[in-house]
Amino acid sequence: MRCLKKNPFIKYVYICTDSDEAGERFYDVNKPLLQSMGVEVFRNRSTGKDWGDDLVSASGYEEVPELE
């Protein structure tokens, strides 16, 4: 929010969250605040559990279990 106040020329914000309850809450709380500042809000949500899972699946690599 501070960045937007210092840079009023910013008119678009993408909110990128994980596909979980915390991500949904963050979006639901912040979207109206951003809109009240005159900012158009877009949303990107991870396809898998989180963005890390999306990156691993897109790379074609499988996660390696940690060694004990």
Foldseek 3Di string as FASTA:
>chain_A
DVVCVVPVVAAEDEQEWEPDPVSVVVCVVVVVVCVVSNHHYHYHYDPPRTVVVVVCVVVVHDDDDDDD
